[in-house]
Amino acid sequence: MCQLDTEGTHYACGHYVITRKLEKHDCNNKYCTQSKLHPPDCRSCPNCARYVGPDLKETTTCESRSWCPQCDYWYNGPGAKQRRS
């Protein structure tokens, strides 16, 4: 699988959210749809890897004391479980 070097924000909930993709490291595998060696007319394509692998390098550009947008939605926003009074 191909991998990325990224920059992003690290939130208090532990999630890292990518804000910028710096570089892609090609795996040079013809069965990886992200690779430059993947043929455009691939007959094996339903079985080819479609996702980028884990980030090769994550650079934290900002630390936040709050939760990421997804966690905030589920714990403080409309997705939060209704509490009994």
N, C-alpha and C. Protein backbone atom coordinates (compact mmCIF):
# COMPACT_ATOMS: atom_id res chain seq x y z
N MET A 1 0.83 -1.18 0.00
CA MET A 1 0.00 0.00 0.00
C MET A 1 0.87 1.25 0.00
N CYS A 2 0.43 2.23 -0.74
CA CYS A 2 1.13 3.51 -0.73
C CYS A 2 0.89 4.20 0.61
N GLN A 3 1.81 5.07 0.99
CA GLN A 3 1.71 5.78 2.27
C GLN A 3 1.96 7.27 2.06
N LEU A 4 1.53 8.08 3.04
CA LEU A 4 1.66 9.53 2.95
C LEU A 4 2.52 10.09 4.08
N ASP A 5 3.13 11.24 3.81
CA ASP A 5 3.70 12.10 4.85
C ASP A 5 2.67 13.21 5.02
N THR A 6 2.22 13.47 6.26
CA THR A 6 1.15 14.44 6.48
C THR A 6 1.49 15.42 7.59
N GLU A 7 0.76 16.53 7.60
CA GLU A 7 0.75 17.48 8.71
C GLU A 7 -0.68 17.51 9.22
N GLY A 8 -0.83 17.72 10.53
CA GLY A 8 -2.19 17.75 11.06
C GLY A 8 -2.27 18.24 12.48
N THR A 9 -3.49 18.20 13.00
CA THR A 9 -3.79 18.65 14.36
C THR A 9 -4.02 17.44 15.25
N HIS A 10 -3.42 17.47 16.43
CA HIS A 10 -3.60 16.40 17.42
C HIS A 10 -4.55 16.93 18.49
N TYR A 11 -5.69 16.24 18.68
CA TYR A 11 -6.72 16.68 19.61
C TYR A 11 -6.60 15.95 20.95
N ALA A 12 -7.26 16.50 21.97
CA ALA A 12 -7.23 15.93 23.32
C ALA A 12 -7.83 14.53 23.38
N CYS A 13 -8.74 14.21 22.46
CA CYS A 13 -9.36 12.88 22.44
C CYS A 13 -8.39 11.82 21.91
N GLY A 14 -7.25 12.26 21.37
CA GLY A 14 -6.26 11.32 20.85
C GLY A 14 -6.25 11.21 19.34
N HIS A 15 -7.23 11.80 18.67
CA HIS A 15 -7.29 11.71 17.21
C HIS A 15 -6.34 12.70 16.56
N TYR A 16 -5.81 12.28 15.44
CA TYR A 16 -4.94 13.11 14.59
C TYR A 16 -5.71 13.38 13.31
N VAL A 17 -5.94 14.65 12.99
CA VAL A 17 -6.72 15.02 11.81
C VAL A 17 -5.77 15.68 10.81
N ILE A 18 -5.69 15.12 9.62
CA ILE A 18 -4.79 15.62 8.59
C ILE A 18 -5.29 16.96 8.07
N THR A 19 -4.36 17.94 8.03
CA THR A 19 -4.69 19.24 7.45
C THR A 19 -3.97 19.44 6.12
N ARG A 20 -2.89 18.70 5.90
CA ARG A 20 -2.15 18.83 4.65
C ARG A 20 -1.39 17.55 4.34
N LYS A 21 -1.48 17.10 3.09
CA LYS A 21 -0.74 15.93 2.62
C LYS A 21 0.53 16.45 1.95
N LEU A 22 1.70 16.04 2.45
CA LEU A 22 2.96 16.56 1.94
C LEU A 22 3.52 15.75 0.79
N GLU A 23 3.55 14.44 0.95
CA GLU A 23 4.20 13.59 -0.05
C GLU A 23 3.60 12.20 -0.02
N LYS A 24 3.54 11.57 -1.20
CA LYS A 24 3.07 10.19 -1.29
C LYS A 24 4.27 9.30 -1.57
N HIS A 25 4.37 8.20 -0.83
CA HIS A 25 5.42 7.20 -1.06
C HIS A 25 4.77 6.04 -1.80
N ASP A 26 5.17 5.87 -3.04
CA ASP A 26 4.59 4.86 -3.91
C ASP A 26 5.12 3.48 -3.54
N CYS A 27 4.23 2.51 -3.43
CA CYS A 27 4.63 1.14 -3.09
C CYS A 27 5.07 0.36 -4.32
N ASN A 28 4.85 0.91 -5.52
CA ASN A 28 5.22 0.27 -6.78
C ASN A 28 4.63 -1.12 -6.94
N ASN A 29 3.39 -1.26 -6.51
CA ASN A 29 2.68 -2.52 -6.62
C ASN A 29 1.56 -2.36 -7.66
N LYS A 30 1.55 -3.21 -8.66
CA LYS A 30 0.54 -3.09 -9.72
C LYS A 30 -0.87 -3.42 -9.24
N TYR A 31 -1.00 -4.00 -8.06
CA TYR A 31 -2.31 -4.32 -7.50
C TYR A 31 -2.79 -3.27 -6.50
N CYS A 32 -2.11 -2.13 -6.41
CA CYS A 32 -2.51 -1.02 -5.55
C CYS A 32 -3.05 0.10 -6.44
N THR A 33 -4.31 0.48 -6.27
CA THR A 33 -4.91 1.50 -7.13
C THR A 33 -4.27 2.88 -6.95
N GLN A 34 -3.56 3.11 -5.86
CA GLN A 34 -2.91 4.39 -5.61
C GLN A 34 -1.53 4.49 -6.28
N SER A 35 -1.00 3.37 -6.73
CA SER A 35 0.35 3.33 -7.30
C SER A 35 0.38 3.78 -8.76
N LYS A 36 1.50 4.34 -9.15
CA LYS A 36 1.67 4.75 -10.56
C LYS A 36 1.81 3.54 -11.48
N LEU A 37 2.11 2.37 -10.92
CA LEU A 37 2.24 1.16 -11.73
C LEU A 37 0.91 0.43 -11.96
N HIS A 38 -0.17 0.91 -11.33
CA HIS A 38 -1.47 0.27 -11.50
C HIS A 38 -2.00 0.57 -12.90
N PRO A 39 -2.27 -0.47 -13.70
CA PRO A 39 -2.73 -0.24 -15.08
C PRO A 39 -4.15 0.33 -15.11
N PRO A 40 -4.42 1.26 -16.02
CA PRO A 40 -5.76 1.85 -16.11
C PRO A 40 -6.83 0.85 -16.55
N ASP A 41 -6.44 -0.19 -17.26
CA ASP A 41 -7.40 -1.20 -17.73
C ASP A 41 -7.26 -2.51 -16.95
N CYS A 42 -7.07 -2.40 -15.66
CA CYS A 42 -6.82 -3.57 -14.80
C CYS A 42 -8.04 -4.49 -14.74
N ARG A 43 -7.83 -5.76 -15.05
CA ARG A 43 -8.92 -6.75 -15.00
C ARG A 43 -9.11 -7.31 -13.60
N SER A 44 -8.12 -7.13 -12.71
CA SER A 44 -8.21 -7.62 -11.34
C SER A 44 -8.78 -6.58 -10.39
N CYS A 45 -9.17 -5.44 -10.90
CA CYS A 45 -9.48 -4.27 -10.07
C CYS A 45 -10.46 -4.50 -8.91
N PRO A 46 -11.48 -5.32 -9.01
CA PRO A 46 -12.32 -5.50 -7.82
C PRO A 46 -11.54 -6.04 -6.63
N ASN A 47 -10.40 -6.70 -6.88
CA ASN A 47 -9.60 -7.28 -5.80
C ASN A 47 -8.38 -6.44 -5.43
N CYS A 48 -8.14 -5.34 -6.12
CA CYS A 48 -6.97 -4.51 -5.86
C CYS A 48 -7.16 -3.66 -4.61
N ALA A 49 -6.04 -3.34 -3.95
CA ALA A 49 -6.07 -2.50 -2.75
C ALA A 49 -6.51 -1.09 -3.13
N ARG A 50 -7.52 -0.57 -2.45
CA ARG A 50 -8.09 0.73 -2.81
C ARG A 50 -7.76 1.83 -1.81
N TYR A 51 -7.07 1.53 -0.75
CA TYR A 51 -6.85 2.50 0.31
C TYR A 51 -5.37 2.79 0.48
N VAL A 52 -5.08 3.97 0.98
CA VAL A 52 -3.71 4.34 1.32
C VAL A 52 -3.42 3.75 2.69
N GLY A 53 -2.21 3.25 2.90
CA GLY A 53 -1.83 2.66 4.17
C GLY A 53 -1.66 3.71 5.26
N PRO A 54 -1.27 3.30 6.46
CA PRO A 54 -1.06 4.24 7.55
C PRO A 54 -0.01 5.28 7.16
N ASP A 55 -0.15 6.48 7.70
CA ASP A 55 0.80 7.53 7.39
C ASP A 55 2.22 7.10 7.75
N LEU A 56 3.14 7.33 6.84
CA LEU A 56 4.53 7.00 7.08
C LEU A 56 5.13 7.98 8.08
N LYS A 57 4.72 9.25 7.98
CA LYS A 57 5.21 10.28 8.89
C LYS A 57 4.09 11.26 9.17
N GLU A 58 3.79 11.47 10.46
CA GLU A 58 2.77 12.43 10.88
C GLU A 58 3.47 13.57 11.62
N THR A 59 3.33 14.78 11.13
CA THR A 59 3.91 15.94 11.78
C THR A 59 2.78 16.74 12.41
N THR A 60 2.79 16.87 13.74
CA THR A 60 1.76 17.63 14.44
C THR A 60 2.09 19.11 14.35
N THR A 61 1.22 19.87 13.70
CA THR A 61 1.43 21.31 13.56
C THR A 61 0.65 22.10 14.60
N CYS A 62 -0.32 21.45 15.25
CA CYS A 62 -1.15 22.14 16.24
C CYS A 62 -1.64 21.13 17.26
N GLU A 63 -1.60 21.50 18.53
CA GLU A 63 -2.17 20.68 19.62
C GLU A 63 -3.42 21.39 20.10
N SER A 64 -4.52 20.68 20.21
CA SER A 64 -5.77 21.27 20.65
C SER A 64 -6.22 20.62 21.95
N ARG A 65 -6.71 21.41 22.87
CA ARG A 65 -7.22 20.88 24.14
C ARG A 65 -8.67 20.40 24.01
N SER A 66 -9.29 20.72 22.90
CA SER A 66 -10.68 20.29 22.69
C SER A 66 -10.73 18.95 21.97
N TRP A 67 -11.93 18.41 21.85
CA TRP A 67 -12.12 17.17 21.11
C TRP A 67 -12.18 17.47 19.63
N CYS A 68 -11.88 16.48 18.81
CA CYS A 68 -11.98 16.64 17.36
C CYS A 68 -13.45 16.82 16.98
N PRO A 69 -13.73 17.32 15.78
CA PRO A 69 -15.13 17.55 15.38
C PRO A 69 -16.03 16.31 15.49
N GLN A 70 -15.52 15.13 15.18
CA GLN A 70 -16.35 13.92 15.26
C GLN A 70 -16.69 13.57 16.71
N CYS A 71 -15.70 13.63 17.60
CA CYS A 71 -15.96 13.31 19.01
C CYS A 71 -16.86 14.37 19.64
N ASP A 72 -16.65 15.63 19.30
CA ASP A 72 -17.49 16.70 19.84
C ASP A 72 -18.94 16.49 19.45
N TYR A 73 -19.19 16.06 18.23
CA TYR A 73 -20.55 15.78 17.78
C TYR A 73 -21.20 14.71 18.65
N TRP A 74 -20.46 13.62 18.91
CA TRP A 74 -21.03 12.49 19.65
C TRP A 74 -21.11 12.71 21.15
N TYR A 75 -20.24 13.54 21.72
CA TYR A 75 -20.24 13.72 23.17
C TYR A 75 -20.90 15.01 23.63
N ASN A 76 -20.89 16.06 22.80
CA ASN A 76 -21.47 17.33 23.21
C ASN A 76 -22.56 17.83 22.28
N GLY A 77 -22.60 17.33 21.06
CA GLY A 77 -23.52 17.86 20.04
C GLY A 77 -24.79 17.05 19.90
N PRO A 78 -25.39 17.12 18.70
CA PRO A 78 -26.66 16.44 18.43
C PRO A 78 -26.59 14.92 18.52
N GLY A 79 -25.40 14.35 18.40
CA GLY A 79 -25.29 12.90 18.48
C GLY A 79 -25.19 12.38 19.91
N ALA A 80 -25.10 13.28 20.86
CA ALA A 80 -24.95 12.88 22.27
C ALA A 80 -26.21 12.19 22.77
N LYS A 81 -26.00 11.19 23.60
CA LYS A 81 -27.13 10.46 24.20
C LYS A 81 -27.89 11.41 25.14
N GLN A 82 -29.20 11.35 25.07
CA GLN A 82 -30.01 12.19 25.95
C GLN A 82 -29.87 11.68 27.38
N ARG A 83 -29.61 12.59 28.28
CA ARG A 83 -29.46 12.24 29.70
C ARG A 83 -30.79 12.37 30.41
N ARG A 84 -31.02 11.47 31.35
CA ARG A 84 -32.24 11.56 32.15
C ARG A 84 -32.06 12.62 33.22
N SER A 85 -33.13 13.28 33.55
CA SER A 85 -33.07 14.29 34.62
C SER A 85 -33.40 13.68 35.95
